[in-house]
Amino acid sequence: MPGFEILAIAVFGAIAWLWLDSLKAREAAIFAAREACAAEGLMLLDDTVSISMVKPARDEDGHVKLKRAYEFEFSDTGDNRRKGSVVLLGRRVVLFNVGLREASLPTTLH
């Protein structure tokens, strides 16, 4: 088998792996966003996330994995849209952010 065909098969396999791994990571991000929003009493809007960043990073064991950041929209009152984010290293959630909500801010400053 000529070298070009082997290289083409390897590239196709790598692209297929990246696509399937990205689908599984996206499902994990949606699940994490849904569960965290439910735990905080928030509504996950559109029931989806969108990718905002992909880069290689090392986990605590030193293995290189893909670090992906996803953004989503949620509502705390039912009539507004707020942005949140979830960061995964591999398929493990390492950061979840829904920002400061007005109810959690102090009303008076001393």
C-alpha atoms as a PDB file:
ATOM      1  CA  MET A   1       0.000   0.000   0.000  1.00  0.00           C
ATOM      2  CA  PRO A   2       1.550   3.326  -1.009  1.00  0.00           C
ATOM      3  CA  GLY A   3       2.451   5.830   1.717  1.00  0.00           C
ATOM      4  CA  PHE A   4      -0.123   8.396   0.547  1.00  0.00           C
ATOM      5  CA  GLU A   5      -3.022   5.974   1.055  1.00  0.00           C
ATOM      6  CA  ILE A   6      -1.803   5.038   4.535  1.00  0.00           C
ATOM      7  CA  LEU A   7      -1.463   8.715   5.416  1.00  0.00           C
ATOM      8  CA  ALA A   8      -4.953   9.480   4.031  1.00  0.00           C
ATOM      9  CA  ILE A   9      -6.486   6.651   6.094  1.00  0.00           C
ATOM     10  CA  ALA A  10      -4.670   7.858   9.221  1.00  0.00           C
ATOM     11  CA  VAL A  11      -5.851  11.444   8.692  1.00  0.00           C
ATOM     12  CA  PHE A  12      -9.426  10.272   8.070  1.00  0.00           C
ATOM     13  CA  GLY A  13      -9.287   8.130  11.219  1.00  0.00           C
ATOM     14  CA  ALA A  14      -7.993  11.062  13.293  1.00  0.00           C
ATOM     15  CA  ILE A  15     -10.761  13.331  12.003  1.00  0.00           C
ATOM     16  CA  ALA A  16     -13.395  10.673  12.737  1.00  0.00           C
ATOM     17  CA  TRP A  17     -12.006  10.188  16.268  1.00  0.00           C
ATOM     18  CA  LEU A  18     -12.002  13.953  16.922  1.00  0.00           C
ATOM     19  CA  TRP A  19     -15.575  14.279  15.676  1.00  0.00           C
ATOM     20  CA  LEU A  20     -16.875  11.382  17.818  1.00  0.00           C
ATOM     21  CA  ASP A  21     -14.918  12.527  20.877  1.00  0.00           C
ATOM     22  CA  SER A  22     -16.296  16.053  20.441  1.00  0.00           C
ATOM     23  CA  LEU A  23     -19.865  14.712  20.294  1.00  0.00           C
ATOM     24  CA  LYS A  24     -19.346  12.780  23.542  1.00  0.00           C
ATOM     25  CA  ALA A  25     -17.765  15.813  25.227  1.00  0.00           C
ATOM     26  CA  ARG A  26     -20.674  18.010  24.087  1.00  0.00           C
ATOM     27  CA  GLU A  27     -23.154  15.518  25.566  1.00  0.00           C
ATOM     28  CA  ALA A  28     -21.209  15.631  28.848  1.00  0.00           C
ATOM     29  CA  ALA A  29     -21.299  19.445  28.806  1.00  0.00           C
ATOM     30  CA  ILE A  30     -25.063  19.500  28.187  1.00  0.00           C
ATOM     31  CA  PHE A  31     -25.606  17.022  31.018  1.00  0.00           C
ATOM     32  CA  ALA A  32     -23.396  19.054  33.389  1.00  0.00           C
ATOM     33  CA  ALA A  33     -25.153  22.313  32.489  1.00  0.00           C
ATOM     34  CA  ARG A  34     -28.583  20.733  32.892  1.00  0.00           C
ATOM     35  CA  GLU A  35     -27.751  19.189  36.284  1.00  0.00           C
ATOM     36  CA  ALA A  36     -26.034  22.294  37.658  1.00  0.00           C
ATOM     37  CA  CYS A  37     -28.849  24.580  36.526  1.00  0.00           C
ATOM     38  CA  ALA A  38     -31.401  22.269  38.146  1.00  0.00           C
ATOM     39  CA  ALA A  39     -29.397  22.228  41.387  1.00  0.00           C
ATOM     40  CA  GLU A  40     -29.222  26.042  41.425  1.00  0.00           C
ATOM     41  CA  GLY A  41     -32.899  26.510  40.540  1.00  0.00           C
ATOM     42  CA  LEU A  42     -32.090  27.891  37.085  1.00  0.00           C
ATOM     43  CA  MET A  43     -33.569  27.058  33.699  1.00  0.00           C
ATOM     44  CA  LEU A  44     -31.211  25.898  30.945  1.00  0.00           C
ATOM     45  CA  LEU A  45     -32.472  27.647  27.831  1.00  0.00           C
ATOM     46  CA  ASP A  46     -32.574  25.903  24.445  1.00  0.00           C
ATOM     47  CA  ASP A  47     -31.201  22.756  26.167  1.00  0.00           C
ATOM     48  CA  THR A  48     -27.896  23.118  24.325  1.00  0.00           C
ATOM     49  CA  VAL A  49     -24.320  24.376  24.588  1.00  0.00           C
ATOM     50  CA  SER A  50     -22.002  25.914  22.000  1.00  0.00           C
ATOM     51  CA  ILE A  51     -18.270  25.367  21.797  1.00  0.00           C
ATOM     52  CA  SER A  52     -16.131  28.440  22.410  1.00  0.00           C
ATOM     53  CA  MET A  53     -12.612  27.028  22.811  1.00  0.00           C
ATOM     54  CA  VAL A  54     -10.619  23.851  22.167  1.00  0.00           C
ATOM     55  CA  LYS A  55      -6.964  23.420  23.084  1.00  0.00           C
ATOM     56  CA  PRO A  56      -4.651  20.717  24.383  1.00  0.00           C
ATOM     57  CA  ALA A  57      -3.983  20.717  28.131  1.00  0.00           C
ATOM     58  CA  ARG A  58      -2.504  18.368  30.718  1.00  0.00           C
ATOM     59  CA  ASP A  59      -4.549  16.691  33.424  1.00  0.00           C
ATOM     60  CA  GLU A  60      -3.316  16.146  36.987  1.00  0.00           C
ATOM     61  CA  ASP A  61      -1.524  12.946  35.892  1.00  0.00           C
ATOM     62  CA  GLY A  62       0.347  14.808  33.150  1.00  0.00           C
ATOM     63  CA  HIS A  63      -1.561  13.250  30.245  1.00  0.00           C
ATOM     64  CA  VAL A  64      -2.443  15.508  27.323  1.00  0.00           C
ATOM     65  CA  LYS A  65      -6.192  15.835  26.783  1.00  0.00           C
ATOM     66  CA  LEU A  66      -8.422  18.266  24.953  1.00  0.00           C
ATOM     67  CA  LYS A  67      -9.709  21.135  27.050  1.00  0.00           C
ATOM     68  CA  ARG A  68     -13.030  22.414  25.739  1.00  0.00           C
ATOM     69  CA  ALA A  69     -15.062  25.423  26.862  1.00  0.00           C
ATOM     70  CA  TYR A  70     -18.771  25.564  26.126  1.00  0.00           C
ATOM     71  CA  GLU A  71     -21.178  28.467  26.550  1.00  0.00           C
ATOM     72  CA  PHE A  72     -24.884  28.222  27.249  1.00  0.00           C
ATOM     73  CA  GLU A  73     -27.777  30.451  28.186  1.00  0.00           C
ATOM     74  CA  PHE A  74     -29.889  30.147  31.302  1.00  0.00           C
ATOM     75  CA  SER A  75     -32.629  32.087  33.023  1.00  0.00           C
ATOM     76  CA  ASP A  76     -33.014  32.749  36.724  1.00  0.00           C
ATOM     77  CA  THR A  77     -36.391  34.504  36.526  1.00  0.00           C
ATOM     78  CA  GLY A  78     -37.955  32.982  33.423  1.00  0.00           C
ATOM     79  CA  ASP A  79     -38.012  36.205  31.422  1.00  0.00           C
ATOM     80  CA  ASN A  80     -34.315  36.928  30.910  1.00  0.00           C
ATOM     81  CA  ARG A  81     -31.292  35.329  29.272  1.00  0.00           C
ATOM     82  CA  ARG A  82     -27.944  35.084  31.009  1.00  0.00           C
ATOM     83  CA  LYS A  83     -24.718  33.481  29.839  1.00  0.00           C
ATOM     84  CA  GLY A  84     -22.942  30.656  31.578  1.00  0.00           C
ATOM     85  CA  SER A  85     -20.034  28.409  30.721  1.00  0.00           C
ATOM     86  CA  VAL A  86     -18.688  24.966  31.420  1.00  0.00           C
ATOM     87  CA  VAL A  87     -15.089  23.804  30.872  1.00  0.00           C
ATOM     88  CA  LEU A  88     -14.209  20.152  30.337  1.00  0.00           C
ATOM     89  CA  LEU A  89     -10.815  18.469  30.397  1.00  0.00           C
ATOM     90  CA  GLY A  90     -11.403  15.325  28.420  1.00  0.00           C
ATOM     91  CA  ARG A  91     -14.953  14.533  29.506  1.00  0.00           C
ATOM     92  CA  ARG A  92     -14.531  15.677  33.110  1.00  0.00           C
ATOM     93  CA  VAL A  93     -16.011  19.008  34.193  1.00  0.00           C
ATOM     94  CA  VAL A  94     -13.307  21.226  35.684  1.00  0.00           C
ATOM     95  CA  LEU A  95     -15.174  24.545  35.838  1.00  0.00           C
ATOM     96  CA  PHE A  96     -18.807  25.593  35.841  1.00  0.00           C
ATOM     97  CA  ASN A  97     -19.760  29.273  35.802  1.00  0.00           C
ATOM     98  CA  VAL A  98     -23.162  30.928  35.960  1.00  0.00           C
ATOM     99  CA  GLY A  99     -21.800  34.272  37.167  1.00  0.00           C
ATOM    100  CA  LEU A 100     -23.110  36.399  39.969  1.00  0.00           C
ATOM    101  CA  ARG A 101     -26.854  36.618  40.206  1.00  0.00           C
ATOM    102  CA  GLU A 102     -28.574  39.730  41.496  1.00  0.00           C
ATOM    103  CA  ALA A 103     -30.040  37.877  44.476  1.00  0.00           C
ATOM    104  CA  SER A 104     -26.546  36.897  45.624  1.00  0.00           C
ATOM    105  CA  LEU A 105     -25.156  40.439  45.528  1.00  0.00           C
ATOM    106  CA  PRO A 106     -25.201  42.539  48.710  1.00  0.00           C
ATOM    107  CA  THR A 107     -27.849  45.259  48.728  1.00  0.00           C
ATOM    108  CA  THR A 108     -25.832  47.731  50.781  1.00  0.00           C
ATOM    109  CA  LEU A 109     -22.160  48.405  50.823  1.00  0.00           C
ATOM    110  CA  HIS A 110     -20.406  49.327  54.080  1.00  0.00           C
END
